[in-house]
Amino acid sequence: MKVGAYQFGVTGDIDYNFSIIKSAIKEAVEEGVKLLVFPECALTGYPPRDINCSAEVNLYKLAIIYVQLQDLVDKNDICIIAGTIAQEGDRYYNCVIILRPYQEKMFYYKRALWGWDKDNFSIGNCNGIFDINGWKIGVRICFEVRFPEFFRELYDAKTDLNIVLFYDVTDKDDIERYDLIKAHVRTRAVENVTYTLTVDATNPYQTAPTALYDKSGYALIELKRNEEKMLVYDLENFPQDFGEKGRSEISDWLRKV
């Protein structure tokens, strides 16, 4: 499956964000991409950096955009995963919307909340596992990459590809933070023996990678930081090699001990 990830400077202007997303979809379709991923809160902006609080999101406008996005998905035979904000009753959620051709939209709600997330959102309760084009996909959001437990859920479900959406940026360049978060991602790929795709916002300074890692944590492709751009990679689900098989067998044994 040809996968894509589009990094850009997310803002609090829903119309602007949607215009970037529409352009990215057009580019992805021309490249033959079948699954395109955007950063955390890519549609809405992230509170309080881009908007004051989650309650400021124009949910009516967002609902219209979902319909327009679904139409693009249907017409172009492409799947979209993008960060957004949802409301249920008096609760708001930092979440991901999953759109597939001619199917109902689905969501994953972020569970690892701290700091600004805890101020603005409620904890989700779904596992974030979806079927896309015959691939079992696991979705996680930003801070969740710090916790092996969230990814062990995906290992137990035998996902083929795990996806992490980030909005992880700093006002001053911090390459050490970037390297640290990249190390977390690579470790999640290694310990779960699973392809791992990530995407981050870019402005002011990007501190998480937009990249694709193989089952042993090696980068198949990684975008340059702080520049709006699309990652494209034709991903094949190859059988496990010797080391990967060993990690799986020992992991399975440890899960039973």
Protein backbone atom coordinates (compact mmCIF):
# COMPACT_ATOMS: atom_id res chain seq x y z
CA MET A 1 0.00 0.00 0.00
CA LYS A 2 1.37 3.38 -0.93
CA VAL A 3 1.23 5.57 2.19
CA GLY A 4 1.64 9.32 2.60
CA ALA A 5 2.11 11.73 5.50
CA TYR A 6 1.77 15.48 5.09
CA GLN A 7 3.53 17.81 7.52
CA PHE A 8 2.55 21.48 7.62
CA GLY A 9 2.16 24.46 9.93
CA VAL A 10 -1.20 23.82 11.59
CA THR A 11 -3.16 26.96 12.58
CA GLY A 12 -6.34 27.87 14.42
CA ASP A 13 -8.03 28.74 11.12
CA ILE A 14 -10.11 25.71 10.11
CA ASP A 15 -10.62 27.01 6.56
CA TYR A 16 -6.87 27.49 6.06
CA ASN A 17 -6.05 24.05 7.46
CA PHE A 18 -8.67 22.47 5.22
CA SER A 19 -7.27 24.25 2.15
CA ILE A 20 -3.84 22.74 2.87
CA ILE A 21 -5.37 19.31 3.41
CA LYS A 22 -7.32 19.49 0.14
CA SER A 23 -4.17 20.44 -1.78
CA ALA A 24 -2.29 17.59 -0.10
CA ILE A 25 -5.01 15.11 -1.07
CA LYS A 26 -4.76 16.23 -4.69
CA GLU A 27 -0.98 15.76 -4.62
CA ALA A 28 -1.34 12.36 -2.93
CA VAL A 29 -3.85 11.14 -5.51
CA GLU A 30 -1.45 12.12 -8.30
CA GLU A 31 1.24 10.05 -6.51
CA GLY A 32 -1.04 7.03 -6.18
CA VAL A 33 -1.22 7.24 -2.38
CA LYS A 34 -3.95 5.09 -0.81
CA LEU A 35 -3.55 6.18 2.83
CA LEU A 36 -2.74 9.79 3.71
CA VAL A 37 -2.05 10.96 7.27
CA PHE A 38 -2.07 14.47 8.78
CA PRO A 39 -0.84 15.75 12.20
CA GLU A 40 -2.64 15.90 15.53
CA CYS A 41 -5.36 18.61 15.51
CA ALA A 42 -4.56 19.23 11.83
CA LEU A 43 -8.11 20.36 11.08
CA THR A 44 -8.80 22.49 14.13
CA GLY A 45 -5.53 23.73 15.55
CA TYR A 46 -4.24 22.72 18.98
CA PRO A 47 -5.32 24.51 22.18
CA PRO A 48 -3.98 26.74 23.55
CA ARG A 49 -1.28 27.28 20.92
CA ASP A 50 -3.65 27.95 18.01
CA ILE A 51 -7.00 28.44 19.75
CA ASN A 52 -7.69 29.47 23.33
CA CYS A 53 -9.54 26.31 24.31
CA SER A 54 -11.28 23.29 22.81
CA ALA A 55 -14.70 24.93 23.25
CA GLU A 56 -13.74 27.55 20.65
CA VAL A 57 -13.83 25.03 17.80
CA ASN A 58 -16.60 25.70 15.28
CA LEU A 59 -18.19 22.26 15.34
CA TYR A 60 -20.81 23.20 12.74
CA LYS A 61 -18.13 24.18 10.24
CA LEU A 62 -16.16 21.07 11.14
CA ALA A 63 -19.16 18.85 10.39
CA ILE A 64 -19.46 20.41 6.92
CA ILE A 65 -15.76 19.82 6.30
CA TYR A 66 -16.14 16.16 7.27
CA VAL A 67 -18.78 15.77 4.56
CA GLN A 68 -16.53 17.45 2.00
CA LEU A 69 -13.58 15.29 3.05
CA GLN A 70 -15.66 12.14 2.74
CA ASP A 71 -16.63 13.20 -0.77
CA LEU A 72 -12.95 13.60 -1.69
CA VAL A 73 -12.19 10.20 -0.17
CA ASP A 74 -15.00 8.54 -2.14
CA LYS A 75 -14.16 10.20 -5.44
CA ASN A 76 -10.43 9.54 -5.23
CA ASP A 77 -10.41 6.09 -3.60
CA ILE A 78 -8.09 7.24 -0.83
CA CYS A 79 -8.18 6.85 2.96
CA ILE A 80 -7.53 9.82 5.24
CA ILE A 81 -6.42 9.96 8.87
CA ALA A 82 -6.31 13.45 10.41
CA GLY A 83 -6.22 15.03 13.85
CA THR A 84 -9.31 16.93 14.98
CA ILE A 85 -11.45 17.77 18.04
CA ALA A 86 -14.76 16.13 18.91
CA GLN A 87 -17.51 16.93 21.40
CA GLU A 88 -19.84 14.52 23.18
CA GLY A 89 -22.18 16.20 25.62
CA ASP A 90 -20.09 18.57 27.72
CA ARG A 91 -16.83 16.71 26.97
CA TYR A 92 -14.24 17.51 24.32
CA TYR A 93 -11.76 15.01 22.91
CA ASN A 94 -8.42 15.29 21.17
CA CYS A 95 -9.00 12.74 18.47
CA VAL A 96 -8.28 11.31 15.06
CA ILE A 97 -10.86 10.95 12.31
CA ILE A 98 -10.53 7.98 9.95
CA LEU A 99 -12.25 8.26 6.56
CA ARG A 100 -12.48 5.37 4.11
CA PRO A 101 -14.26 5.25 0.73
CA TYR A 102 -18.01 4.74 1.12
CA GLN A 103 -17.79 3.79 4.79
CA GLU A 104 -18.85 5.45 8.03
CA LYS A 105 -16.32 7.79 9.59
CA MET A 106 -14.53 6.48 12.66
CA PHE A 107 -12.62 8.12 15.51
CA TYR A 108 -9.85 7.40 17.98
CA TYR A 109 -9.82 9.52 21.17
CA LYS A 110 -6.50 10.31 22.82
CA ARG A 111 -6.00 8.72 26.25
CA ALA A 112 -2.61 9.97 27.51
CA LEU A 113 -3.55 13.47 28.64
CA TRP A 114 -1.24 15.82 30.50
CA GLY A 115 -0.67 19.57 30.67
CA TRP A 116 -2.60 21.41 27.96
CA ASP A 117 -4.34 18.19 26.92
CA LYS A 118 -5.62 17.63 30.46
CA ASP A 119 -6.83 21.24 30.60
CA ASN A 120 -8.82 20.94 27.38
CA PHE A 121 -9.88 17.34 26.84
CA SER A 122 -11.41 14.23 28.39
CA ILE A 123 -9.81 10.78 28.26
CA GLY A 124 -10.90 8.51 25.42
CA ASN A 125 -11.84 4.86 25.79
CA CYS A 126 -11.39 3.14 22.39
CA ASN A 127 -8.46 1.01 21.23
CA GLY A 128 -7.65 2.81 17.96
CA ILE A 129 -7.49 -0.27 15.72
CA PHE A 130 -8.95 -0.10 12.21
CA ASP A 131 -8.91 -2.07 8.97
CA ILE A 132 -7.72 -0.07 5.96
CA ASN A 133 -7.25 -1.72 2.57
CA GLY A 134 -6.69 -5.10 4.18
CA TRP A 135 -4.07 -3.75 6.61
CA LYS A 136 -4.75 -3.76 10.34
CA ILE A 137 -3.84 -0.23 11.45
CA GLY A 138 -3.15 1.01 14.98
CA VAL A 139 -3.46 4.74 15.69
CA ARG A 140 -1.91 6.67 18.57
CA ILE A 141 -1.59 10.39 19.34
CA CYS A 142 1.56 12.27 20.39
CA PHE A 143 2.26 11.82 24.15
CA GLU A 144 1.06 8.23 23.95
CA VAL A 145 4.34 7.33 22.24
CA ARG A 146 6.03 7.67 25.64
CA PHE A 147 4.12 4.68 27.03
CA PRO A 148 4.91 1.13 25.85
CA GLU A 149 1.58 -0.06 27.24
CA PHE A 150 -0.43 1.77 24.58
CA PHE A 151 1.58 0.03 21.88
CA ARG A 152 1.51 -3.39 23.54
CA GLU A 153 -2.26 -3.24 22.98
CA LEU A 154 -1.50 -2.94 19.29
CA TYR A 155 1.07 -5.74 19.41
CA ASP A 156 -1.50 -8.05 21.00
CA ALA A 157 -3.92 -7.16 18.21
CA LYS A 158 -1.21 -7.99 15.63
CA THR A 159 -1.39 -4.69 13.76
CA ASP A 160 0.47 -4.43 10.45
CA LEU A 161 1.16 -0.70 10.67
CA ASN A 162 1.09 1.71 13.61
CA ILE A 163 0.55 5.43 13.03
CA VAL A 164 1.40 8.25 15.44
CA LEU A 165 0.04 11.75 14.89
CA PHE A 166 2.02 14.52 16.61
CA TYR A 167 1.59 18.17 17.33
CA ASP A 168 4.96 18.50 19.01
CA VAL A 169 6.64 21.85 18.37
CA THR A 170 8.75 24.36 20.29
CA ASP A 171 9.26 28.11 20.06
CA LYS A 172 13.04 27.69 20.11
CA ASP A 173 14.81 25.04 18.08
CA ASP A 174 15.37 21.91 20.18
CA ILE A 175 17.10 19.18 18.20
CA GLU A 176 17.68 17.13 21.36
CA ARG A 177 13.94 16.85 21.95
CA TYR A 178 13.48 15.86 18.31
CA ASP A 179 16.10 13.12 18.65
CA LEU A 180 14.55 11.92 21.93
CA ILE A 181 11.04 11.60 20.48
CA LYS A 182 12.43 9.92 17.38
CA ALA A 183 14.14 7.41 19.68
CA HIS A 184 10.80 6.69 21.37
CA VAL A 185 9.19 6.04 17.98
CA ARG A 186 11.98 3.76 16.83
CA THR A 187 11.80 1.84 20.10
CA ARG A 188 8.04 1.35 19.70
CA ALA A 189 8.69 -0.02 16.20
CA VAL A 190 11.42 -2.38 17.43
CA GLU A 191 9.70 -3.77 20.51
CA ASN A 192 6.40 -4.33 18.69
CA VAL A 193 7.98 -5.54 15.43
CA THR A 194 5.66 -3.27 13.47
CA TYR A 195 6.03 -0.69 10.70
CA THR A 196 5.51 2.72 12.27
CA LEU A 197 4.48 5.89 10.42
CA THR A 198 4.62 9.32 12.07
CA VAL A 199 3.63 12.85 11.12
CA ASP A 200 4.11 16.16 12.94
CA ALA A 201 3.19 19.82 12.57
CA THR A 202 6.08 22.03 11.50
CA ASN A 203 5.86 25.50 13.08
CA PRO A 204 7.67 27.12 14.78
CA TYR A 205 10.16 24.26 15.26
CA GLN A 206 9.31 20.62 14.68
CA THR A 207 10.26 18.29 17.54
CA ALA A 208 8.88 14.95 16.32
CA PRO A 209 9.63 13.21 13.02
CA THR A 210 7.54 12.77 9.93
CA ALA A 211 8.94 9.40 8.95
CA LEU A 212 8.34 5.73 8.28
CA TYR A 213 10.27 3.09 10.24
CA ASP A 214 10.51 -0.62 9.48
CA LYS A 215 9.89 -3.47 11.94
CA SER A 216 13.42 -3.11 13.30
CA GLY A 217 13.29 0.65 13.79
CA TYR A 218 15.30 1.64 10.71
CA ALA A 219 14.11 4.72 8.83
CA LEU A 220 12.70 3.85 5.42
CA ILE A 221 12.12 7.56 4.76
CA GLU A 222 12.28 10.70 6.92
CA LEU A 223 11.34 14.24 5.92
CA LYS A 224 13.46 17.29 6.62
CA ARG A 225 12.27 19.20 9.67
CA ASN A 226 10.30 22.48 9.63
CA GLU A 227 9.28 22.35 5.96
CA GLU A 228 5.83 21.74 4.53
CA LYS A 229 6.12 18.56 2.52
CA MET A 230 4.63 15.14 1.80
CA LEU A 231 6.21 11.80 2.59
CA VAL A 232 5.34 9.07 0.09
CA TYR A 233 6.38 5.44 0.34
CA ASP A 234 5.18 2.25 -1.31
CA LEU A 235 5.02 -0.05 1.71
CA GLU A 236 5.03 -3.82 1.41
CA ASN A 237 4.28 -6.06 4.38
CA PHE A 238 7.30 -8.34 4.09
CA PRO A 239 7.60 -11.45 6.30
CA GLN A 240 9.66 -11.07 9.46
CA ASP A 241 13.39 -11.51 9.14
CA PHE A 242 15.48 -13.58 11.58
CA GLY A 243 15.80 -10.92 14.30
CA GLU A 244 12.19 -9.77 13.96
CA LYS A 245 10.92 -13.33 14.32
CA GLY A 246 13.04 -13.75 17.44
CA ARG A 247 11.65 -10.60 19.05
CA SER A 248 8.09 -11.72 18.28
CA GLU A 249 8.55 -15.22 19.66
CA ILE A 250 10.17 -14.00 22.87
CA SER A 251 7.57 -11.24 23.27
CA ASP A 252 4.79 -13.81 22.89
CA TRP A 253 6.47 -16.03 25.49
CA LEU A 254 6.86 -13.11 27.93
CA ARG A 255 3.20 -12.13 27.51
CA LYS A 256 2.23 -15.62 28.73
CA VAL A 257 4.62 -15.79 31.69
